[in-house]
Amino acid sequence: MAGYWVARSKINNPEGYSKYTSALAPIFEKWGAKALSRGGNYKILEGPEYFERFVVIEFPSMEDAIACHDSEEYQAAAAHRLDGSGEVELVILDSTAGFGNN
């Protein structure tokens, strides 16, 4: 089953944050990831209006999603936003088979 990164972010320094985002394409390509939604229009229906950017990335599996996050390449790219250029809340989850009994 597919795995997903679901992220909410706030950009504090666009120049610094772009160093992070510009490094991502080859990393995601290596892990077979596909951006389903990345920084498009949004409407917050519930919850705080703190984050301003929303991202959904699909991976072939949850294991691939975790391995990509933990990879040296991704961690090196993430260092560009961890300097205070941006704040991210990232959740990795696996796909499910729709609305079940849970």
PDB file of N, CA and C in Angstrom:
ATOM      1  N   MET A   1       0.824  -1.180   0.000  1.00  0.00           N
ATOM      2  CA  MET A   1       0.000   0.000   0.000  1.00  0.00           C
ATOM      3  C   MET A   1       0.873   1.252   0.000  1.00  0.00           C
ATOM      4  N   ALA A   2       0.350   2.287  -0.567  1.00  0.00           N
ATOM      5  CA  ALA A   2       1.074   3.551  -0.637  1.00  0.00           C
ATOM      6  C   ALA A   2       1.252   4.149   0.753  1.00  0.00           C
ATOM      7  N   GLY A   3       2.284   4.984   0.859  1.00  0.00           N
ATOM      8  CA  GLY A   3       2.524   5.766   2.076  1.00  0.00           C
ATOM      9  C   GLY A   3       2.510   7.236   1.700  1.00  0.00           C
ATOM     10  N   TYR A   4       2.150   8.077   2.628  1.00  0.00           N
ATOM     11  CA  TYR A   4       2.007   9.508   2.339  1.00  0.00           C
ATOM     12  C   TYR A   4       2.726  10.361   3.374  1.00  0.00           C
ATOM     13  N   TRP A   5       3.335  11.413   2.880  1.00  0.00           N
ATOM     14  CA  TRP A   5       3.763  12.509   3.748  1.00  0.00           C
ATOM     15  C   TRP A   5       2.651  13.531   3.687  1.00  0.00           C
ATOM     16  N   VAL A   6       2.166  13.945   4.829  1.00  0.00           N
ATOM     17  CA  VAL A   6       1.196  15.030   4.910  1.00  0.00           C
ATOM     18  C   VAL A   6       1.850  16.089   5.787  1.00  0.00           C
ATOM     19  N   ALA A   7       2.113  17.242   5.197  1.00  0.00           N
ATOM     20  CA  ALA A   7       2.865  18.268   5.908  1.00  0.00           C
ATOM     21  C   ALA A   7       2.138  19.604   5.898  1.00  0.00           C
ATOM     22  N   ARG A   8       2.317  20.308   6.995  1.00  0.00           N
ATOM     23  CA  ARG A   8       1.875  21.695   7.102  1.00  0.00           C
ATOM     24  C   ARG A   8       3.130  22.491   7.413  1.00  0.00           C
ATOM     25  N   SER A   9       3.302  23.622   6.748  1.00  0.00           N
ATOM     26  CA  SER A   9       4.512  24.387   6.996  1.00  0.00           C
ATOM     27  C   SER A   9       4.247  25.878   7.042  1.00  0.00           C
ATOM     28  N   LYS A  10       5.189  26.567   7.638  1.00  0.00           N
ATOM     29  CA  LYS A  10       5.181  28.024   7.731  1.00  0.00           C
ATOM     30  C   LYS A  10       6.558  28.485   7.285  1.00  0.00           C
ATOM     31  N   ILE A  11       6.599  29.363   6.324  1.00  0.00           N
ATOM     32  CA  ILE A  11       7.863  29.852   5.781  1.00  0.00           C
ATOM     33  C   ILE A  11       8.230  31.154   6.492  1.00  0.00           C
ATOM     34  N   ASN A  12       9.349  31.138   7.186  1.00  0.00           N
ATOM     35  CA  ASN A  12       9.822  32.314   7.905  1.00  0.00           C
ATOM     36  C   ASN A  12      10.829  33.120   7.092  1.00  0.00           C
ATOM     37  N   ASN A  13      11.592  32.429   6.244  1.00  0.00           N
ATOM     38  CA  ASN A  13      12.602  33.070   5.407  1.00  0.00           C
ATOM     39  C   ASN A  13      12.526  32.414   4.024  1.00  0.00           C
ATOM     40  N   PRO A  14      11.835  33.042   3.064  1.00  0.00           N
ATOM     41  CA  PRO A  14      11.648  32.425   1.746  1.00  0.00           C
ATOM     42  C   PRO A  14      12.954  32.032   1.049  1.00  0.00           C
ATOM     43  N   GLU A  15      13.982  32.843   1.172  1.00  0.00           N
ATOM     44  CA  GLU A  15      15.257  32.525   0.514  1.00  0.00           C
ATOM     45  C   GLU A  15      15.878  31.261   1.109  1.00  0.00           C
ATOM     46  N   GLY A  16      15.903  31.175   2.419  1.00  0.00           N
ATOM     47  CA  GLY A  16      16.443  29.986   3.070  1.00  0.00           C
ATOM     48  C   GLY A  16      15.589  28.761   2.826  1.00  0.00           C
ATOM     49  N   TYR A  17      14.269  28.926   2.862  1.00  0.00           N
ATOM     50  CA  TYR A  17      13.352  27.802   2.657  1.00  0.00           C
ATOM     51  C   TYR A  17      13.473  27.255   1.235  1.00  0.00           C
ATOM     52  N   SER A  18      13.747  28.129   0.276  1.00  0.00           N
ATOM     53  CA  SER A  18      13.879  27.666  -1.109  1.00  0.00           C
ATOM     54  C   SER A  18      15.102  26.769  -1.288  1.00  0.00           C
ATOM     55  N   LYS A  19      16.122  26.925  -0.448  1.00  0.00           N
ATOM     56  CA  LYS A  19      17.280  26.011  -0.501  1.00  0.00           C
ATOM     57  C   LYS A  19      16.837  24.599  -0.142  1.00  0.00           C
ATOM     58  N   TYR A  20      15.890  24.497   0.774  1.00  0.00           N
ATOM     59  CA  TYR A  20      15.320  23.201   1.152  1.00  0.00           C
ATOM     60  C   TYR A  20      14.483  22.632   0.006  1.00  0.00           C
ATOM     61  N   THR A  21      13.510  23.391  -0.472  1.00  0.00           N
ATOM     62  CA  THR A  21      12.593  22.866  -1.485  1.00  0.00           C
ATOM     63  C   THR A  21      13.283  22.582  -2.818  1.00  0.00           C
ATOM     64  N   SER A  22      14.295  23.353  -3.173  1.00  0.00           N
ATOM     65  CA  SER A  22      14.966  23.127  -4.460  1.00  0.00           C
ATOM     66  C   SER A  22      15.785  21.840  -4.466  1.00  0.00           C
ATOM     67  N   ALA A  23      16.096  21.306  -3.302  1.00  0.00           N
ATOM     68  CA  ALA A  23      16.869  20.060  -3.231  1.00  0.00           C
ATOM     69  C   ALA A  23      15.994  18.813  -3.248  1.00  0.00           C
ATOM     70  N   LEU A  24      14.677  18.966  -3.196  1.00  0.00           N
ATOM     71  CA  LEU A  24      13.795  17.822  -2.977  1.00  0.00           C
ATOM     72  C   LEU A  24      13.524  16.960  -4.208  1.00  0.00           C
ATOM     73  N   ALA A  25      13.438  17.534  -5.398  1.00  0.00           N
ATOM     74  CA  ALA A  25      13.033  16.756  -6.582  1.00  0.00           C
ATOM     75  C   ALA A  25      13.865  15.493  -6.785  1.00  0.00           C
ATOM     76  N   PRO A  26      15.200  15.555  -6.803  1.00  0.00           N
ATOM     77  CA  PRO A  26      15.962  14.315  -7.019  1.00  0.00           C
ATOM     78  C   PRO A  26      15.829  13.324  -5.863  1.00  0.00           C
ATOM     79  N   ILE A  27      15.609  13.827  -4.660  1.00  0.00           N
ATOM     80  CA  ILE A  27      15.430  12.936  -3.510  1.00  0.00           C
ATOM     81  C   ILE A  27      14.118  12.174  -3.662  1.00  0.00           C
ATOM     82  N   PHE A  28      13.047  12.895  -3.990  1.00  0.00           N
ATOM     83  CA  PHE A  28      11.757  12.241  -4.162  1.00  0.00           C
ATOM     84  C   PHE A  28      11.765  11.291  -5.351  1.00  0.00           C
ATOM     85  N   GLU A  29      12.464  11.655  -6.414  1.00  0.00           N
ATOM     86  CA  GLU A  29      12.570  10.769  -7.578  1.00  0.00           C
ATOM     87  C   GLU A  29      13.241   9.459  -7.188  1.00  0.00           C
ATOM     88  N   LYS A  30      14.304   9.533  -6.401  1.00  0.00           N
ATOM     89  CA  LYS A  30      15.019   8.334  -5.951  1.00  0.00           C
ATOM     90  C   LYS A  30      14.096   7.388  -5.193  1.00  0.00           C
ATOM     91  N   TRP A  31      13.165   7.933  -4.414  1.00  0.00           N
ATOM     92  CA  TRP A  31      12.278   7.116  -3.591  1.00  0.00           C
ATOM     93  C   TRP A  31      10.932   6.841  -4.253  1.00  0.00           C
ATOM     94  N   GLY A  32      10.779   7.215  -5.520  1.00  0.00           N
ATOM     95  CA  GLY A  32       9.549   6.928  -6.252  1.00  0.00           C
ATOM     96  C   GLY A  32       8.352   7.734  -5.774  1.00  0.00           C
ATOM     97  N   ALA A  33       8.605   8.917  -5.231  1.00  0.00           N
ATOM     98  CA  ALA A  33       7.529   9.747  -4.677  1.00  0.00           C
ATOM     99  C   ALA A  33       6.892  10.628  -5.738  1.00  0.00           C
ATOM    100  N   LYS A  34       5.631  10.968  -5.487  1.00  0.00           N
ATOM    101  CA  LYS A  34       4.879  11.835  -6.397  1.00  0.00           C
ATOM    102  C   LYS A  34       4.137  12.880  -5.566  1.00  0.00           C
ATOM    103  N   ALA A  35       4.330  14.149  -5.920  1.00  0.00           N
ATOM    104  CA  ALA A  35       3.621  15.224  -5.222  1.00  0.00           C
ATOM    105  C   ALA A  35       2.168  15.240  -5.678  1.00  0.00           C
ATOM    106  N   LEU A  36       1.248  15.054  -4.757  1.00  0.00           N
ATOM    107  CA  LEU A  36      -0.177  15.118  -5.076  1.00  0.00           C
ATOM    108  C   LEU A  36      -0.711  16.533  -4.899  1.00  0.00           C
ATOM    109  N   SER A  37      -0.159  17.241  -3.931  1.00  0.00           N
ATOM    110  CA  SER A  37      -0.527  18.636  -3.709  1.00  0.00           C
ATOM    111  C   SER A  37       0.648  19.295  -3.009  1.00  0.00           C
ATOM    112  N   ARG A  38       1.031  20.455  -3.518  1.00  0.00           N
ATOM    113  CA  ARG A  38       2.217  21.112  -2.964  1.00  0.00           C
ATOM    114  C   ARG A  38       2.061  22.624  -3.058  1.00  0.00           C
ATOM    115  N   GLY A  39       1.629  23.221  -1.965  1.00  0.00           N
ATOM    116  CA  GLY A  39       1.584  24.673  -1.888  1.00  0.00           C
ATOM    117  C   GLY A  39       0.484  25.355  -2.680  1.00  0.00           C
ATOM    118  N   GLY A  40      -0.570  24.654  -3.022  1.00  0.00           N
ATOM    119  CA  GLY A  40      -1.659  25.260  -3.783  1.00  0.00           C
ATOM    120  C   GLY A  40      -2.621  26.032  -2.888  1.00  0.00           C
ATOM    121  N   ASN A  41      -3.743  26.383  -3.458  1.00  0.00           N
ATOM    122  CA  ASN A  41      -4.781  27.079  -2.700  1.00  0.00           C
ATOM    123  C   ASN A  41      -5.313  26.170  -1.598  1.00  0.00           C
ATOM    124  N   TYR A  42      -5.767  26.773  -0.527  1.00  0.00           N
ATOM    125  CA  TYR A  42      -6.322  26.009   0.586  1.00  0.00           C
ATOM    126  C   TYR A  42      -7.343  26.848   1.333  1.00  0.00           C
ATOM    127  N   LYS A  43      -8.145  26.188   2.137  1.00  0.00           N
ATOM    128  CA  LYS A  43      -9.109  26.860   3.011  1.00  0.00           C
ATOM    129  C   LYS A  43      -9.101  26.107   4.332  1.00  0.00           C
ATOM    130  N   ILE A  44      -8.771  26.788   5.402  1.00  0.00           N
ATOM    131  CA  ILE A  44      -8.777  26.173   6.725  1.00  0.00           C
ATOM    132  C   ILE A  44     -10.210  26.195   7.249  1.00  0.00           C
ATOM    133  N   LEU A  45     -10.748  25.015   7.514  1.00  0.00           N
ATOM    134  CA  LEU A  45     -12.123  24.904   7.996  1.00  0.00           C
ATOM    135  C   LEU A  45     -12.194  24.775   9.509  1.00  0.00           C
ATOM    136  N   GLU A  46     -11.165  24.165  10.104  1.00  0.00           N
ATOM    137  CA  GLU A  46     -11.116  24.014  11.553  1.00  0.00           C
ATOM    138  C   GLU A  46      -9.656  24.085  11.986  1.00  0.00           C
ATOM    139  N   GLY A  47      -9.440  24.564  13.186  1.00  0.00           N
ATOM    140  CA  GLY A  47      -8.093  24.607  13.730  1.00  0.00           C
ATOM    141  C   GLY A  47      -7.425  25.955  13.526  1.00  0.00           C
ATOM    142  N   PRO A  48      -6.238  26.098  14.097  1.00  0.00           N
ATOM    143  CA  PRO A  48      -5.540  27.389  14.050  1.00  0.00           C
ATOM    144  C   PRO A  48      -5.034  27.725  12.652  1.00  0.00           C
ATOM    145  N   GLU A  49      -5.016  28.993  12.364  1.00  0.00           N
ATOM    146  CA  GLU A  49      -4.507  29.468  11.076  1.00  0.00           C
ATOM    147  C   GLU A  49      -3.043  29.857  11.224  1.00  0.00           C
ATOM    148  N   TYR A  50      -2.228  28.898  11.595  1.00  0.00           N
ATOM    149  CA  TYR A  50      -0.809  29.145  11.811  1.00  0.00           C
ATOM    150  C   TYR A  50       0.014  28.780  10.583  1.00  0.00           C
ATOM    151  N   PHE A  51      -0.229  27.591  10.071  1.00  0.00           N
ATOM    152  CA  PHE A  51       0.522  27.130   8.912  1.00  0.00           C
ATOM    153  C   PHE A  51      -0.052  27.739   7.641  1.00  0.00           C
ATOM    154  N   GLU A  52       0.794  27.919   6.639  1.00  0.00           N
ATOM    155  CA  GLU A  52       0.387  28.607   5.411  1.00  0.00           C
ATOM    156  C   GLU A  52       0.683  27.816   4.145  1.00  0.00           C
ATOM    157  N   ARG A  53       1.228  26.639   4.291  1.00  0.00           N
ATOM    158  CA  ARG A  53       1.569  25.819   3.130  1.00  0.00           C
ATOM    159  C   ARG A  53       1.252  24.370   3.488  1.00  0.00           C
ATOM    160  N   PHE A  54       0.636  23.670   2.554  1.00  0.00           N
ATOM    161  CA  PHE A  54       0.209  22.301   2.799  1.00  0.00           C
ATOM    162  C   PHE A  54       0.700  21.412   1.668  1.00  0.00           C
ATOM    163  N   VAL A  55       1.191  20.220   2.027  1.00  0.00           N
ATOM    164  CA  VAL A  55       1.833  19.339   1.051  1.00  0.00           C
ATOM    165  C   VAL A  55       1.376  17.901   1.288  1.00  0.00           C
ATOM    166  N   VAL A  56       1.084  17.181   0.195  1.00  0.00           N
ATOM    167  CA  VAL A  56       0.806  15.748   0.263  1.00  0.00           C
ATOM    168  C   VAL A  56       1.693  15.077  -0.789  1.00  0.00           C
ATOM    169  N   ILE A  57       2.554  14.160  -0.328  1.00  0.00           N
ATOM    170  CA  ILE A  57       3.472  13.442  -1.206  1.00  0.00           C
ATOM    171  C   ILE A  57       3.159  11.951  -1.080  1.00  0.00           C
ATOM    172  N   GLU A  58       2.991  11.272  -2.218  1.00  0.00           N
ATOM    173  CA  GLU A  58       2.709   9.833  -2.221  1.00  0.00           C
ATOM    174  C   GLU A  58       3.985   9.053  -2.508  1.00  0.00           C
ATOM    175  N   PHE A  59       4.213   7.999  -1.738  1.00  0.00           N
ATOM    176  CA  PHE A  59       5.339   7.091  -1.919  1.00  0.00           C
ATOM    177  C   PHE A  59       4.796   5.698  -2.236  1.00  0.00           C
ATOM    178  N   PRO A  60       5.609   4.835  -2.831  1.00  0.00           N
ATOM    179  CA  PRO A  60       5.132   3.482  -3.119  1.00  0.00           C
ATOM    180  C   PRO A  60       4.667   2.714  -1.876  1.00  0.00           C
ATOM    181  N   SER A  61       5.280   3.004  -0.719  1.00  0.00           N
ATOM    182  CA  SER A  61       4.893   2.332   0.521  1.00  0.00           C
ATOM    183  C   SER A  61       5.222   3.235   1.708  1.00  0.00           C
ATOM    184  N   MET A  62       4.658   2.901   2.855  1.00  0.00           N
ATOM    185  CA  MET A  62       4.974   3.649   4.062  1.00  0.00           C
ATOM    186  C   MET A  62       6.448   3.489   4.401  1.00  0.00           C
ATOM    187  N   GLU A  63       6.980   2.292   4.164  1.00  0.00           N
ATOM    188  CA  GLU A  63       8.400   2.048   4.430  1.00  0.00           C
ATOM    189  C   GLU A  63       9.284   2.963   3.591  1.00  0.00           C
ATOM    190  N   ASP A  64       8.905   3.170   2.310  1.00  0.00           N
ATOM    191  CA  ASP A  64       9.662   4.089   1.459  1.00  0.00           C
ATOM    192  C   ASP A  64       9.552   5.522   1.964  1.00  0.00           C
ATOM    193  N   ALA A  65       8.368   5.911   2.432  1.00  0.00           N
ATOM    194  CA  ALA A  65       8.166   7.267   2.953  1.00  0.00           C
ATOM    195  C   ALA A  65       9.050   7.518   4.168  1.00  0.00           C
ATOM    196  N   ILE A  66       9.139   6.538   5.051  1.00  0.00           N
ATOM    197  CA  ILE A  66       9.982   6.665   6.239  1.00  0.00           C
ATOM    198  C   ILE A  66      11.455   6.658   5.854  1.00  0.00           C
ATOM    199  N   ALA A  67      11.838   5.744   4.957  1.00  0.00           N
ATOM    200  CA  ALA A  67      13.240   5.660   4.538  1.00  0.00           C
ATOM    201  C   ALA A  67      13.703   6.938   3.855  1.00  0.00           C
ATOM    202  N   CYS A  68      12.850   7.532   3.047  1.00  0.00           N
ATOM    203  CA  CYS A  68      13.192   8.798   2.403  1.00  0.00           C
ATOM    204  C   CYS A  68      13.439   9.864   3.458  1.00  0.00           C
ATOM    205  N   HIS A  69      12.531   9.982   4.410  1.00  0.00           N
ATOM    206  CA  HIS A  69      12.689  10.983   5.472  1.00  0.00           C
ATOM    207  C   HIS A  69      13.991  10.778   6.240  1.00  0.00           C
ATOM    208  N   ASP A  70      14.326   9.541   6.519  1.00  0.00           N
ATOM    209  CA  ASP A  70      15.499   9.234   7.326  1.00  0.00           C
ATOM    210  C   ASP A  70      16.806   9.231   6.528  1.00  0.00           C
ATOM    211  N   SER A  71      16.709   9.360   5.204  1.00  0.00           N
ATOM    212  CA  SER A  71      17.908   9.288   4.358  1.00  0.00           C
ATOM    213  C   SER A  71      18.844  10.471   4.589  1.00  0.00           C
ATOM    214  N   GLU A  72      20.114  10.245   4.337  1.00  0.00           N
ATOM    215  CA  GLU A  72      21.113  11.314   4.465  1.00  0.00           C
ATOM    216  C   GLU A  72      20.783  12.484   3.554  1.00  0.00           C
ATOM    217  N   GLU A  73      20.315  12.181   2.334  1.00  0.00           N
ATOM    218  CA  GLU A  73      20.009  13.239   1.368  1.00  0.00           C
ATOM    219  C   GLU A  73      18.889  14.142   1.868  1.00  0.00           C
ATOM    220  N   TYR A  74      17.816  13.543   2.369  1.00  0.00           N
ATOM    221  CA  TYR A  74      16.706  14.360   2.851  1.00  0.00           C
ATOM    222  C   TYR A  74      17.116  15.147   4.088  1.00  0.00           C
ATOM    223  N   GLN A  75      17.806  14.515   5.007  1.00  0.00           N
ATOM    224  CA  GLN A  75      18.216  15.216   6.226  1.00  0.00           C
ATOM    225  C   GLN A  75      19.140  16.394   5.911  1.00  0.00           C
ATOM    226  N   ALA A  76      19.991  16.245   4.890  1.00  0.00           N
ATOM    227  CA  ALA A  76      20.851  17.362   4.474  1.00  0.00           C
ATOM    228  C   ALA A  76      20.008  18.501   3.916  1.00  0.00           C
ATOM    229  N   ALA A  77      18.990  18.178   3.125  1.00  0.00           N
ATOM    230  CA  ALA A  77      18.097  19.212   2.583  1.00  0.00           C
ATOM    231  C   ALA A  77      17.304  19.868   3.707  1.00  0.00           C
ATOM    232  N   ALA A  78      16.797  19.071   4.640  1.00  0.00           N
ATOM    233  CA  ALA A  78      15.986  19.597   5.746  1.00  0.00           C
ATOM    234  C   ALA A  78      16.781  20.558   6.622  1.00  0.00           C
ATOM    235  N   ALA A  79      18.087  20.406   6.678  1.00  0.00           N
ATOM    236  CA  ALA A  79      18.923  21.301   7.477  1.00  0.00           C
ATOM    237  C   ALA A  79      18.752  22.754   7.035  1.00  0.00           C
ATOM    238  N   HIS A  80      18.408  22.968   5.755  1.00  0.00           N
ATOM    239  CA  HIS A  80      18.217  24.334   5.255  1.00  0.00           C
ATOM    240  C   HIS A  80      16.981  25.006   5.847  1.00  0.00           C
ATOM    241  N   ARG A  81      15.986  24.231   6.245  1.00  0.00           N
ATOM    242  CA  ARG A  81      14.820  24.844   6.883  1.00  0.00           C
ATOM    243  C   ARG A  81      14.922  24.788   8.390  1.00  0.00           C
ATOM    244  N   LEU A  82      15.704  23.841   8.905  1.00  0.00           N
ATOM    245  CA  LEU A  82      15.858  23.717  10.356  1.00  0.00           C
ATOM    246  C   LEU A  82      16.677  24.858  10.952  1.00  0.00           C
ATOM    247  N   ASP A  83      17.245  25.702  10.087  1.00  0.00           N
ATOM    248  CA  ASP A  83      17.986  26.869  10.564  1.00  0.00           C
ATOM    249  C   ASP A  83      17.049  28.006  10.949  1.00  0.00           C
ATOM    250  N   GLY A  84      15.746  27.741  10.942  1.00  0.00           N
ATOM    251  CA  GLY A  84      14.754  28.758  11.271  1.00  0.00           C
ATOM    252  C   GLY A  84      14.048  29.317  10.048  1.00  0.00           C
ATOM    253  N   SER A  85      14.446  28.855   8.848  1.00  0.00           N
ATOM    254  CA  SER A  85      13.818  29.343   7.615  1.00  0.00           C
ATOM    255  C   SER A  85      12.367  28.911   7.495  1.00  0.00           C
ATOM    256  N   GLY A  86      12.022  27.811   8.161  1.00  0.00           N
ATOM    257  CA  GLY A  86      10.646  27.340   8.100  1.00  0.00           C
ATOM    258  C   GLY A  86      10.339  26.399   9.246  1.00  0.00           C
ATOM    259  N   GLU A  87       9.048  26.215   9.478  1.00  0.00           N
ATOM    260  CA  GLU A  87       8.571  25.287  10.500  1.00  0.00           C
ATOM    261  C   GLU A  87       7.672  24.276   9.807  1.00  0.00           C
ATOM    262  N   VAL A  88       7.836  23.017  10.148  1.00  0.00           N
ATOM    263  CA  VAL A  88       7.074  21.959   9.479  1.00  0.00           C
ATOM    264  C   VAL A  88       6.508  20.994  10.507  1.00  0.00           C
ATOM    265  N   GLU A  89       5.266  20.621  10.276  1.00  0.00           N
ATOM    266  CA  GLU A  89       4.646  19.506  10.991  1.00  0.00           C
ATOM    267  C   GLU A  89       4.444  18.431   9.937  1.00  0.00           C
ATOM    268  N   LEU A  90       5.112  17.299  10.075  1.00  0.00           N
ATOM    269  CA  LEU A  90       5.065  16.238   9.069  1.00  0.00           C
ATOM    270  C   LEU A  90       4.553  14.955   9.695  1.00  0.00           C
ATOM    271  N   VAL A  91       3.561  14.356   9.048  1.00  0.00           N
ATOM    272  CA  VAL A  91       3.024  13.071   9.461  1.00  0.00           C
ATOM    273  C   VAL A  91       3.208  12.112   8.288  1.00  0.00           C
ATOM    274  N   ILE A  92       3.643  10.899   8.591  1.00  0.00           N
ATOM    275  CA  ILE A  92       3.744   9.859   7.568  1.00  0.00           C
ATOM    276  C   ILE A  92       2.686   8.813   7.900  1.00  0.00           C
ATOM    277  N   LEU A  93       1.857   8.488   6.908  1.00  0.00           N
ATOM    278  CA  LEU A  93       0.806   7.513   7.137  1.00  0.00           C
ATOM    279  C   LEU A  93       0.655   6.588   5.946  1.00  0.00           C
ATOM    280  N   ASP A  94       0.075   5.431   6.207  1.00  0.00           N
ATOM    281  CA  ASP A  94      -0.164   4.505   5.106  1.00  0.00           C
ATOM    282  C   ASP A  94      -1.585   4.671   4.597  1.00  0.00           C
ATOM    283  N   SER A  95      -1.804   4.179   3.396  1.00  0.00           N
ATOM    284  CA  SER A  95      -3.139   4.276   2.815  1.00  0.00           C
ATOM    285  C   SER A  95      -4.038   3.237   3.473  1.00  0.00           C
ATOM    286  N   THR A  96      -5.320   3.518   3.469  1.00  0.00           N
ATOM    287  CA  THR A  96      -6.296   2.580   4.026  1.00  0.00           C
ATOM    288  C   THR A  96      -7.354   2.334   2.960  1.00  0.00           C
ATOM    289  N   ALA A  97      -8.180   1.377   3.215  1.00  0.00           N
ATOM    290  CA  ALA A  97      -9.176   0.966   2.235  1.00  0.00           C
ATOM    291  C   ALA A  97     -10.507   1.670   2.450  1.00  0.00           C
ATOM    292  N   GLY A  98     -10.487   2.974   2.532  1.00  0.00           N
ATOM    293  CA  GLY A  98     -11.739   3.725   2.615  1.00  0.00           C
ATOM    294  C   GLY A  98     -12.355   3.731   3.993  1.00  0.00           C
ATOM    295  N   PHE A  99     -13.663   3.902   4.036  1.00  0.00           N
ATOM    296  CA  PHE A  99     -14.389   4.002   5.302  1.00  0.00           C
ATOM    297  C   PHE A  99     -14.778   2.626   5.767  1.00  0.00           C
ATOM    298  N   GLY A 100     -14.151   2.159   6.817  1.00  0.00           N
ATOM    299  CA  GLY A 100     -14.452   0.845   7.369  1.00  0.00           C
ATOM    300  C   GLY A 100     -15.161   0.994   8.682  1.00  0.00           C
ATOM    301  N   ASN A 101     -14.978   0.026   9.513  1.00  0.00           N
ATOM    302  CA  ASN A 101     -15.612   0.029  10.825  1.00  0.00           C
ATOM    303  C   ASN A 101     -14.842   0.826  11.854  1.00  0.00           C
ATOM    304  N   ASN A 102     -13.678   1.337  11.513  1.00  0.00           N
ATOM    305  CA  ASN A 102     -12.856   2.069  12.488  1.00  0.00           C
ATOM    306  C   ASN A 102     -13.088   3.532  12.380  1.00  0.00           C
TER     307      ASN A 102
END
